[in-house]
PDB file of all heavy atoms in Angstrom:
ATOM      1  N   TYR A   1       3.242  21.280 123.993  1.00  0.00           N
ATOM      2  CA  TYR A   1       4.574  20.747 124.308  1.00  0.00           C
ATOM      3  C   TYR A   1       4.680  19.275 123.917  1.00  0.00           C
ATOM      4  O   TYR A   1       5.634  18.849 123.268  1.00  0.00           O
ATOM      5  CB  TYR A   1       4.866  20.920 125.801  1.00  0.00           C
ATOM      6  CG  TYR A   1       6.135  20.233 126.244  1.00  0.00           C
ATOM      7  CD1 TYR A   1       7.384  20.742 125.910  1.00  0.00           C
ATOM      8  CD2 TYR A   1       6.085  19.056 127.002  1.00  0.00           C
ATOM      9  CE1 TYR A   1       8.551  20.100 126.310  1.00  0.00           C
ATOM     10  CE2 TYR A   1       7.238  18.411 127.404  1.00  0.00           C
ATOM     11  CZ  TYR A   1       8.468  18.942 127.055  1.00  0.00           C
ATOM     12  OH  TYR A   1       9.612  18.287 127.453  1.00  0.00           O
ATOM     13  N   ILE A   2       3.671  18.485 124.291  1.00  0.00           N
ATOM     14  CA  ILE A   2       3.701  17.042 124.027  1.00  0.00           C
ATOM     15  C   ILE A   2       3.690  16.759 122.522  1.00  0.00           C
ATOM     16  O   ILE A   2       4.386  15.865 122.037  1.00  0.00           O
ATOM     17  CB  ILE A   2       2.504  16.352 124.723  1.00  0.00           C
ATOM     18  CG1 ILE A   2       2.661  16.438 126.250  1.00  0.00           C
ATOM     19  CG2 ILE A   2       2.377  14.896 124.292  1.00  0.00           C
ATOM     20  CD1 ILE A   2       1.390  16.111 127.009  1.00  0.00           C
ATOM     21  N   SER A   3       2.918  17.539 121.774  1.00  0.00           N
ATOM     22  CA  SER A   3       2.754  17.268 120.340  1.00  0.00           C
ATOM     23  C   SER A   3       3.857  17.877 119.479  1.00  0.00           C
ATOM     24  O   SER A   3       3.998  17.509 118.312  1.00  0.00           O
ATOM     25  CB  SER A   3       1.381  17.748 119.857  1.00  0.00           C
ATOM     26  OG  SER A   3       1.225  19.141 120.064  1.00  0.00           O
ATOM     27  N   THR A   4       4.638  18.791 120.043  1.00  0.00           N
ATOM     28  CA  THR A   4       5.728  19.384 119.257  1.00  0.00           C
ATOM     29  C   THR A   4       7.106  18.921 119.704  1.00  0.00           C
ATOM     30  O   THR A   4       8.001  18.744 118.876  1.00  0.00           O
ATOM     31  CB  THR A   4       5.681  20.929 119.322  1.00  0.00           C
ATOM     32  OG1 THR A   4       5.743  21.350 120.691  1.00  0.00           O
ATOM     33  CG2 THR A   4       4.422  21.466 118.684  1.00  0.00           C
ATOM     34  N   GLU A   5       7.270  18.675 121.004  1.00  0.00           N
ATOM     35  CA  GLU A   5       8.591  18.293 121.514  1.00  0.00           C
ATOM     36  C   GLU A   5       8.730  16.796 121.741  1.00  0.00           C
ATOM     37  O   GLU A   5       9.851  16.288 121.853  1.00  0.00           O
ATOM     38  CB  GLU A   5       8.871  19.029 122.833  1.00  0.00           C
ATOM     39  CG  GLU A   5       8.857  20.539 122.718  1.00  0.00           C
ATOM     40  CD  GLU A   5       9.937  21.070 121.788  1.00  0.00           C
ATOM     41  OE1 GLU A   5      11.028  20.475 121.752  1.00  0.00           O
ATOM     42  OE2 GLU A   5       9.681  22.070 121.083  1.00  0.00           O
ATOM     43  N   LEU A   6       7.617  16.085 121.824  1.00  0.00           N
ATOM     44  CA  LEU A   6       7.639  14.647 122.075  1.00  0.00           C
ATOM     45  C   LEU A   6       6.938  13.935 120.912  1.00  0.00           C
ATOM     46  O   LEU A   6       6.397  14.568 120.018  1.00  0.00           O
ATOM     47  CB  LEU A   6       6.964  14.334 123.421  1.00  0.00           C
ATOM     48  CG  LEU A   6       7.590  15.051 124.633  1.00  0.00           C
ATOM     49  CD1 LEU A   6       6.737  14.841 125.878  1.00  0.00           C
ATOM     50  CD2 LEU A   6       9.019  14.569 124.891  1.00  0.00           C
ATOM     51  N   ASP A   7       6.924  12.623 120.948  1.00  0.00           N
ATOM     52  CA  ASP A   7       6.504  11.835 119.769  1.00  0.00           C
ATOM     53  C   ASP A   7       5.014  11.473 119.824  1.00  0.00           C
ATOM     54  O   ASP A   7       4.648  10.294 119.858  1.00  0.00           O
ATOM     55  CB  ASP A   7       7.373  10.567 119.701  1.00  0.00           C
ATOM     56  CG  ASP A   7       7.252   9.853 118.358  1.00  0.00           C
ATOM     57  OD1 ASP A   7       6.798  10.480 117.386  1.00  0.00           O
ATOM     58  OD2 ASP A   7       7.623   8.662 118.297  1.00  0.00           O
ATOM     59  N   TYR A   8       4.136  12.513 119.843  1.00  0.00           N
ATOM     60  CA  TYR A   8       2.696  12.285 119.960  1.00  0.00           C
ATOM     61  C   TYR A   8       1.955  13.267 119.062  1.00  0.00           C
ATOM     62  O   TYR A   8       2.390  14.403 118.873  1.00  0.00           O
ATOM     63  CB  TYR A   8       2.218  12.474 121.412  1.00  0.00           C
ATOM     64  CG  TYR A   8       2.945  11.597 122.387  1.00  0.00           C
ATOM     65  CD1 TYR A   8       4.156  12.010 122.940  1.00  0.00           C
ATOM     66  CD2 TYR A   8       2.462  10.346 122.743  1.00  0.00           C
ATOM     67  CE1 TYR A   8       4.865  11.200 123.814  1.00  0.00           C
ATOM     68  CE2 TYR A   8       3.157   9.535 123.616  1.00  0.00           C
ATOM     69  CZ  TYR A   8       4.358   9.960 124.149  1.00  0.00           C
ATOM     70  OH  TYR A   8       5.052   9.159 125.005  1.00  0.00           O
ATOM     71  N   SER A   9       0.807  12.837 118.559  1.00  0.00           N
ATOM     72  CA  SER A   9      -0.043  13.761 117.815  1.00  0.00           C
ATOM     73  C   SER A   9      -0.825  14.630 118.804  1.00  0.00           C
ATOM     74  O   SER A   9      -0.966  14.288 119.987  1.00  0.00           O
ATOM     75  CB  SER A   9      -1.029  12.978 116.940  1.00  0.00           C
ATOM     76  OG  SER A   9      -1.998  12.319 117.756  1.00  0.00           O
ATOM     77  N   GLU A  10      -1.350  15.742 118.315  1.00  0.00           N
ATOM     78  CA  GLU A  10      -2.144  16.619 119.170  1.00  0.00           C
ATOM     79  C   GLU A  10      -3.396  15.906 119.668  1.00  0.00           C
ATOM     80  O   GLU A  10      -3.770  16.015 120.843  1.00  0.00           O
ATOM     81  CB  GLU A  10      -2.525  17.876 118.394  1.00  0.00           C
ATOM     82  CG  GLU A  10      -3.291  18.895 119.218  1.00  0.00           C
ATOM     83  CD  GLU A  10      -3.578  20.174 118.463  1.00  0.00           C
ATOM     84  OE1 GLU A  10      -2.768  20.552 117.605  1.00  0.00           O
ATOM     85  OE2 GLU A  10      -4.632  20.793 118.744  1.00  0.00           O
ATOM     86  N   ALA A  11      -4.029  15.117 118.799  1.00  0.00           N
ATOM     87  CA  ALA A  11      -5.246  14.395 119.193  1.00  0.00           C
ATOM     88  C   ALA A  11      -4.948  13.373 120.284  1.00  0.00           C
ATOM     89  O   ALA A  11      -5.717  13.229 121.248  1.00  0.00           O
ATOM     90  CB  ALA A  11      -5.864  13.709 117.975  1.00  0.00           C
ATOM     91  N   ASP A  12      -3.833  12.660 120.146  1.00  0.00           N
ATOM     92  CA  ASP A  12      -3.471  11.656 121.154  1.00  0.00           C
ATOM     93  C   ASP A  12      -3.108  12.322 122.476  1.00  0.00           C
ATOM     94  O   ASP A  12      -3.432  11.807 123.555  1.00  0.00           O
ATOM     95  CB  ASP A  12      -2.314  10.796 120.661  1.00  0.00           C
ATOM     96  CG  ASP A  12      -2.746   9.800 119.597  1.00  0.00           C
ATOM     97  OD1 ASP A  12      -3.962   9.630 119.379  1.00  0.00           O
ATOM     98  OD2 ASP A  12      -1.855   9.184 118.968  1.00  0.00           O
ATOM     99  N   ALA A  13      -2.417  13.458 122.410  1.00  0.00           N
ATOM    100  CA  ALA A  13      -2.067  14.185 123.636  1.00  0.00           C
ATOM    101  C   ALA A  13      -3.325  14.605 124.383  1.00  0.00           C
ATOM    102  O   ALA A  13      -3.421  14.467 125.608  1.00  0.00           O
ATOM    103  CB  ALA A  13      -1.208  15.400 123.292  1.00  0.00           C
ATOM    104  N   LYS A  14      -4.319  15.106 123.643  1.00  0.00           N
ATOM    105  CA  LYS A  14      -5.572  15.524 124.275  1.00  0.00           C
ATOM    106  C   LYS A  14      -6.310  14.337 124.886  1.00  0.00           C
ATOM    107  O   LYS A  14      -6.852  14.420 125.993  1.00  0.00           O
ATOM    108  CB  LYS A  14      -6.464  16.224 123.250  1.00  0.00           C
ATOM    109  CG  LYS A  14      -5.986  17.613 122.859  1.00  0.00           C
ATOM    110  CD  LYS A  14      -6.914  18.248 121.831  1.00  0.00           C
ATOM    111  CE  LYS A  14      -6.483  19.662 121.495  1.00  0.00           C
ATOM    112  NZ  LYS A  14      -7.337  20.273 120.450  1.00  0.00           N
ATOM    113  N   GLU A  15      -6.323  13.214 124.165  1.00  0.00           N
ATOM    114  CA  GLU A  15      -7.004  12.034 124.692  1.00  0.00           C
ATOM    115  C   GLU A  15      -6.314  11.518 125.949  1.00  0.00           C
ATOM    116  O   GLU A  15      -6.962  11.133 126.925  1.00  0.00           O
ATOM    117  CB  GLU A  15      -7.045  10.933 123.627  1.00  0.00           C
ATOM    118  CG  GLU A  15      -7.882   9.730 124.054  1.00  0.00           C
ATOM    119  CD  GLU A  15      -7.919   8.621 123.013  1.00  0.00           C
ATOM    120  OE1 GLU A  15      -7.504   8.864 121.857  1.00  0.00           O
ATOM    121  OE2 GLU A  15      -8.357   7.506 123.362  1.00  0.00           O
ATOM    122  N   TRP A  16      -4.976  11.528 125.927  1.00  0.00           N
ATOM    123  CA  TRP A  16      -4.226  11.079 127.107  1.00  0.00           C
ATOM    124  C   TRP A  16      -4.559  11.927 128.322  1.00  0.00           C
ATOM    125  O   TRP A  16      -4.725  11.397 129.431  1.00  0.00           O
ATOM    126  CB  TRP A  16      -2.723  11.128 126.814  1.00  0.00           C
ATOM    127  CG  TRP A  16      -1.883  10.918 128.030  1.00  0.00           C
ATOM    128  CD1 TRP A  16      -1.713   9.752 128.737  1.00  0.00           C
ATOM    129  CD2 TRP A  16      -1.103  11.905 128.729  1.00  0.00           C
ATOM    130  NE1 TRP A  16      -0.881   9.959 129.814  1.00  0.00           N
ATOM    131  CE2 TRP A  16      -0.497  11.264 129.829  1.00  0.00           C
ATOM    132  CE3 TRP A  16      -0.859  13.268 128.508  1.00  0.00           C
ATOM    133  CZ2 TRP A  16       0.345  11.948 130.710  1.00  0.00           C
ATOM    134  CZ3 TRP A  16      -0.020  13.951 129.390  1.00  0.00           C
ATOM    135  CH2 TRP A  16       0.567  13.290 130.479  1.00  0.00           C
ATOM    136  N   LEU A  17      -4.674  13.234 128.130  1.00  0.00           N
ATOM    137  CA  LEU A  17      -4.963  14.126 129.252  1.00  0.00           C
ATOM    138  C   LEU A  17      -6.244  13.727 129.980  1.00  0.00           C
ATOM    139  O   LEU A  17      -6.355  13.912 131.196  1.00  0.00           O
ATOM    140  CB  LEU A  17      -5.088  15.572 128.766  1.00  0.00           C
ATOM    141  CG  LEU A  17      -3.789  16.303 128.418  1.00  0.00           C
ATOM    142  CD1 LEU A  17      -4.097  17.677 127.861  1.00  0.00           C
ATOM    143  CD2 LEU A  17      -2.886  16.414 129.637  1.00  0.00           C
ATOM    144  N   SER A  18      -7.199  13.179 129.249  1.00  0.00           N
ATOM    145  CA  SER A  18      -8.467  12.785 129.865  1.00  0.00           C
ATOM    146  C   SER A  18      -8.345  11.502 130.682  1.00  0.00           C
ATOM    147  O   SER A  18      -9.258  11.147 131.419  1.00  0.00           O
ATOM    148  CB  SER A  18      -9.541  12.612 128.790  1.00  0.00           C
ATOM    149  OG  SER A  18      -9.290  11.445 128.007  1.00  0.00           O
ATOM    150  N   THR A  19      -7.215  10.807 130.558  1.00  0.00           N
ATOM    151  CA  THR A  19      -7.060   9.511 131.229  1.00  0.00           C
ATOM    152  C   THR A  19      -6.114   9.556 132.421  1.00  0.00           C
ATOM    153  O   THR A  19      -6.070   8.606 133.200  1.00  0.00           O
ATOM    154  CB  THR A  19      -6.509   8.459 130.247  1.00  0.00           C
ATOM    155  OG1 THR A  19      -5.123   8.751 129.936  1.00  0.00           O
ATOM    156  CG2 THR A  19      -7.314   8.403 128.968  1.00  0.00           C
ATOM    157  N   VAL A  20      -5.332  10.632 132.575  1.00  0.00           N
ATOM    158  CA  VAL A  20      -4.260  10.637 133.568  1.00  0.00           C
ATOM    159  C   VAL A  20      -4.582  11.576 134.724  1.00  0.00           C
ATOM    160  O   VAL A  20      -5.194  12.619 134.548  1.00  0.00           O
ATOM    161  CB  VAL A  20      -2.912  11.045 132.909  1.00  0.00           C
ATOM    162  CG1 VAL A  20      -2.934  12.505 132.456  1.00  0.00           C
ATOM    163  CG2 VAL A  20      -1.743  10.789 133.850  1.00  0.00           C
ATOM    164  N   ARG A  21      -4.168  11.166 135.923  1.00  0.00           N
ATOM    165  CA  ARG A  21      -4.292  12.024 137.107  1.00  0.00           C
ATOM    166  C   ARG A  21      -2.972  11.976 137.884  1.00  0.00           C
ATOM    167  O   ARG A  21      -2.558  10.922 138.371  1.00  0.00           O
ATOM    168  CB  ARG A  21      -5.448  11.565 138.005  1.00  0.00           C
ATOM    169  CG  ARG A  21      -5.719  12.523 139.175  1.00  0.00           C
ATOM    170  CD  ARG A  21      -6.902  12.088 140.007  1.00  0.00           C
ATOM    171  NE  ARG A  21      -6.578  10.953 140.886  1.00  0.00           N
ATOM    172  CZ  ARG A  21      -6.938   9.707 140.694  1.00  0.00           C
ATOM    173  NH1 ARG A  21      -7.664   9.383 139.636  1.00  0.00           N
ATOM    174  NH2 ARG A  21      -6.607   8.757 141.544  1.00  0.00           N
ATOM    175  N   PHE A  22      -2.312  13.110 137.954  1.00  0.00           N
ATOM    176  CA  PHE A  22      -1.059  13.201 138.700  1.00  0.00           C
ATOM    177  C   PHE A  22      -1.352  13.415 140.178  1.00  0.00           C
ATOM    178  O   PHE A  22      -2.425  13.895 140.560  1.00  0.00           O
ATOM    179  CB  PHE A  22      -0.206  14.354 138.162  1.00  0.00           C
ATOM    180  CG  PHE A  22       0.447  14.067 136.838  1.00  0.00           C
ATOM    181  CD1 PHE A  22      -0.232  14.293 135.646  1.00  0.00           C
ATOM    182  CD2 PHE A  22       1.738  13.561 136.768  1.00  0.00           C
ATOM    183  CE1 PHE A  22       0.355  14.022 134.423  1.00  0.00           C
ATOM    184  CE2 PHE A  22       2.336  13.285 135.550  1.00  0.00           C
ATOM    185  CZ  PHE A  22       1.647  13.514 134.379  1.00  0.00           C
ATOM    186  N   ALA A  23      -0.387  13.063 141.009  1.00  0.00           N
ATOM    187  CA  ALA A  23      -0.530  13.272 142.450  1.00  0.00           C
ATOM    188  C   ALA A  23      -0.535  14.769 142.745  1.00  0.00           C
ATOM    189  O   ALA A  23       0.280  15.510 142.200  1.00  0.00           O
ATOM    190  CB  ALA A  23       0.622  12.597 143.188  1.00  0.00           C
ATOM    191  N   THR A  24      -1.434  15.233 143.598  1.00  0.00           N
ATOM    192  CA  THR A  24      -1.433  16.639 143.988  1.00  0.00           C
ATOM    193  C   THR A  24      -0.357  16.912 145.034  1.00  0.00           C
ATOM    194  O   THR A  24       0.103  18.039 145.180  1.00  0.00           O
ATOM    195  CB  THR A  24      -2.801  17.063 144.541  1.00  0.00           C
ATOM    196  OG1 THR A  24      -3.162  16.172 145.613  1.00  0.00           O
ATOM    197  CG2 THR A  24      -3.862  17.000 143.452  1.00  0.00           C
ATOM    198  N   LYS A  25       0.058  15.854 145.752  1.00  0.00           N
ATOM    199  CA  LYS A  25       1.163  15.947 146.714  1.00  0.00           C
ATOM    200  C   LYS A  25       2.118  14.799 146.412  1.00  0.00           C
ATOM    201  O   LYS A  25       1.768  13.637 146.623  1.00  0.00           O
ATOM    202  CB  LYS A  25       0.649  15.862 148.150  1.00  0.00           C
ATOM    203  CG  LYS A  25       1.747  15.906 149.211  1.00  0.00           C
ATOM    204  CD  LYS A  25       1.154  15.851 150.603  1.00  0.00           C
ATOM    205  CE  LYS A  25       2.222  15.693 151.689  1.00  0.00           C
ATOM    206  NZ  LYS A  25       3.243  16.736 151.689  1.00  0.00           N
ATOM    207  N   THR A  26       3.284  15.136 145.891  1.00  0.00           N
ATOM    208  CA  THR A  26       4.199  14.087 145.428  1.00  0.00           C
ATOM    209  C   THR A  26       4.986  13.438 146.563  1.00  0.00           C
ATOM    210  O   THR A  26       5.388  12.275 146.442  1.00  0.00           O
ATOM    211  CB  THR A  26       5.188  14.648 144.389  1.00  0.00           C
ATOM    212  OG1 THR A  26       5.804  15.835 144.900  1.00  0.00           O
ATOM    213  CG2 THR A  26       4.473  14.979 143.088  1.00  0.00           C
ATOM    214  N   GLU A  27       5.210  14.162 147.641  1.00  0.00           N
ATOM    215  CA  GLU A  27       5.964  13.570 148.746  1.00  0.00           C
ATOM    216  C   GLU A  27       5.160  12.452 149.402  1.00  0.00           C
ATOM    217  O   GLU A  27       3.991  12.631 149.726  1.00  0.00           O
ATOM    218  CB  GLU A  27       6.319  14.628 149.801  1.00  0.00           C
ATOM    219  CG  GLU A  27       7.082  14.049 150.986  1.00  0.00           C
ATOM    220  CD  GLU A  27       7.277  15.053 152.125  1.00  0.00           C
ATOM    221  OE1 GLU A  27       7.216  16.271 151.868  1.00  0.00           O
ATOM    222  OE2 GLU A  27       7.482  14.610 153.270  1.00  0.00           O
ATOM    223  N   GLY A  28       5.791  11.302 149.613  1.00  0.00           N
ATOM    224  CA  GLY A  28       5.154  10.212 150.326  1.00  0.00           C
ATOM    225  C   GLY A  28       4.585   9.137 149.427  1.00  0.00           C
ATOM    226  O   GLY A  28       4.366   9.345 148.233  1.00  0.00           O
ATOM    227  N   VAL A  29       4.383   7.984 150.011  1.00  0.00           N
ATOM    228  CA  VAL A  29       3.921   6.807 149.280  1.00  0.00           C
ATOM    229  C   VAL A  29       2.888   6.083 150.133  1.00  0.00           C
ATOM    230  O   VAL A  29       3.069   5.941 151.348  1.00  0.00           O
ATOM    231  CB  VAL A  29       5.097   5.840 148.985  1.00  0.00           C
ATOM    232  CG1 VAL A  29       4.628   4.643 148.179  1.00  0.00           C
ATOM    233  CG2 VAL A  29       6.229   6.562 148.266  1.00  0.00           C
ATOM    234  N   ASN A  30       1.825   5.634 149.510  1.00  0.00           N
ATOM    235  CA  ASN A  30       0.819   4.843 150.202  1.00  0.00           C
ATOM    236  C   ASN A  30       1.338   3.412 150.337  1.00  0.00           C
ATOM    237  O   ASN A  30       1.504   2.704 149.343  1.00  0.00           O
ATOM    238  CB  ASN A  30      -0.486   4.866 149.396  1.00  0.00           C
ATOM    239  CG  ASN A  30      -1.633   4.170 150.116  1.00  0.00           C
ATOM    240  OD1 ASN A  30      -1.415   3.359 151.015  1.00  0.00           O
ATOM    241  ND2 ASN A  30      -2.844   4.488 149.726  1.00  0.00           N
ATOM    242  N   LEU A  31       1.602   2.992 151.558  1.00  0.00           N
ATOM    243  CA  LEU A  31       2.150   1.663 151.802  1.00  0.00           C
ATOM    244  C   LEU A  31       1.247   0.570 151.233  1.00  0.00           C
ATOM    245  O   LEU A  31       1.732  -0.464 150.751  1.00  0.00           O
ATOM    246  CB  LEU A  31       2.355   1.450 153.310  1.00  0.00           C
ATOM    247  CG  LEU A  31       2.857   0.061 153.738  1.00  0.00           C
ATOM    248  CD1 LEU A  31       4.219  -0.241 153.128  1.00  0.00           C
ATOM    249  CD2 LEU A  31       2.899  -0.036 155.258  1.00  0.00           C
ATOM    250  N   LYS A  32      -0.069   0.809 151.256  1.00  0.00           N
ATOM    251  CA  LYS A  32      -0.995  -0.214 150.753  1.00  0.00           C
ATOM    252  C   LYS A  32      -0.777  -0.480 149.264  1.00  0.00           C
ATOM    253  O   LYS A  32      -0.949  -1.605 148.789  1.00  0.00           O
ATOM    254  CB  LYS A  32      -2.443   0.216 151.009  1.00  0.00           C
ATOM    255  CG  LYS A  32      -2.827   0.225 152.486  1.00  0.00           C
ATOM    256  CD  LYS A  32      -4.261   0.697 152.675  1.00  0.00           C
ATOM    257  CE  LYS A  32      -4.637   0.733 154.152  1.00  0.00           C
ATOM    258  NZ  LYS A  32      -6.018   1.254 154.353  1.00  0.00           N
ATOM    259  N   VAL A  33      -0.402   0.560 148.512  1.00  0.00           N
ATOM    260  CA  VAL A  33      -0.130   0.386 147.079  1.00  0.00           C
ATOM    261  C   VAL A  33       1.093  -0.504 146.883  1.00  0.00           C
ATOM    262  O   VAL A  33       1.100  -1.412 146.046  1.00  0.00           O
ATOM    263  CB  VAL A  33       0.085   1.758 146.405  1.00  0.00           C
ATOM    264  CG1 VAL A  33       0.576   1.591 144.967  1.00  0.00           C
ATOM    265  CG2 VAL A  33      -1.209   2.565 146.435  1.00  0.00           C
ATOM    266  N   ILE A  34       2.133  -0.264 147.682  1.00  0.00           N
ATOM    267  CA  ILE A  34       3.362  -1.057 147.567  1.00  0.00           C
ATOM    268  C   ILE A  34       3.098  -2.499 148.001  1.00  0.00           C
ATOM    269  O   ILE A  34       3.553  -3.452 147.363  1.00  0.00           O
ATOM    270  CB  ILE A  34       4.486  -0.434 148.402  1.00  0.00           C
ATOM    271  CG1 ILE A  34       4.702   1.032 147.998  1.00  0.00           C
ATOM    272  CG2 ILE A  34       5.781  -1.234 148.257  1.00  0.00           C
ATOM    273  CD1 ILE A  34       5.001   1.257 146.526  1.00  0.00           C
ATOM    274  N   GLN A  35       2.320  -2.674 149.076  1.00  0.00           N
ATOM    275  CA  GLN A  35       1.994  -4.021 149.540  1.00  0.00           C
ATOM    276  C   GLN A  35       1.206  -4.787 148.483  1.00  0.00           C
ATOM    277  O   GLN A  35       1.485  -5.962 148.210  1.00  0.00           O
ATOM    278  CB  GLN A  35       1.176  -3.946 150.836  1.00  0.00           C
ATOM    279  CG  GLN A  35       0.797  -5.319 151.408  1.00  0.00           C
ATOM    280  CD  GLN A  35       1.999  -6.086 151.897  1.00  0.00           C
ATOM    281  OE1 GLN A  35       2.679  -5.658 152.826  1.00  0.00           O
ATOM    282  NE2 GLN A  35       2.289  -7.234 151.272  1.00  0.00           N
ATOM    283  N   SER A  36       0.237  -4.123 147.871  1.00  0.00           N
ATOM    284  CA  SER A  36      -0.559  -4.761 146.819  1.00  0.00           C
ATOM    285  C   SER A  36       0.315  -5.160 145.640  1.00  0.00           C
ATOM    286  O   SER A  36       0.166  -6.251 145.072  1.00  0.00           O
ATOM    287  CB  SER A  36      -1.659  -3.802 146.360  1.00  0.00           C
ATOM    288  OG  SER A  36      -2.321  -4.305 145.229  1.00  0.00           O
ATOM    289  N   CYS A  37       1.240  -4.262 145.269  1.00  0.00           N
ATOM    290  CA  CYS A  37       2.147  -4.560 144.156  1.00  0.00           C
ATOM    291  C   CYS A  37       3.010  -5.770 144.480  1.00  0.00           C
ATOM    292  O   CYS A  37       3.178  -6.672 143.648  1.00  0.00           O
ATOM    293  CB  CYS A  37       3.009  -3.333 143.863  1.00  0.00           C
ATOM    294  SG  CYS A  37       4.053  -3.493 142.407  1.00  0.00           S
ATOM    295  N   VAL A  38       3.553  -5.812 145.687  1.00  0.00           N
ATOM    296  CA  VAL A  38       4.372  -6.955 146.102  1.00  0.00           C
ATOM    297  C   VAL A  38       3.557  -8.243 146.065  1.00  0.00           C
ATOM    298  O   VAL A  38       4.017  -9.274 145.555  1.00  0.00           O
ATOM    299  CB  VAL A  38       4.952  -6.724 147.521  1.00  0.00           C
ATOM    300  CG1 VAL A  38       5.538  -8.012 148.088  1.00  0.00           C
ATOM    301  CG2 VAL A  38       6.016  -5.630 147.481  1.00  0.00           C
ATOM    302  N   ASP A  39       2.336  -8.198 146.576  1.00  0.00           N
ATOM    303  CA  ASP A  39       1.482  -9.392 146.608  1.00  0.00           C
ATOM    304  C   ASP A  39       1.249  -9.936 145.196  1.00  0.00           C
ATOM    305  O   ASP A  39       1.354 -11.146 144.947  1.00  0.00           O
ATOM    306  CB  ASP A  39       0.135  -9.072 147.259  1.00  0.00           C
ATOM    307  CG  ASP A  39       0.248  -8.811 148.757  1.00  0.00           C
ATOM    308  OD1 ASP A  39       1.297  -9.135 149.340  1.00  0.00           O
ATOM    309  OD2 ASP A  39      -0.713  -8.255 149.330  1.00  0.00           O
TER     310      ASP A  39
END
């Protein structure tokens, strides 16, 4: 999908997959992350 519908090569799409981790539970936010960002 990434290499045919979006602007990426197949090799780059595969490399990106090794670097990214999506949230397993999307609901909610860690307040410490927001506090760190604000700081």
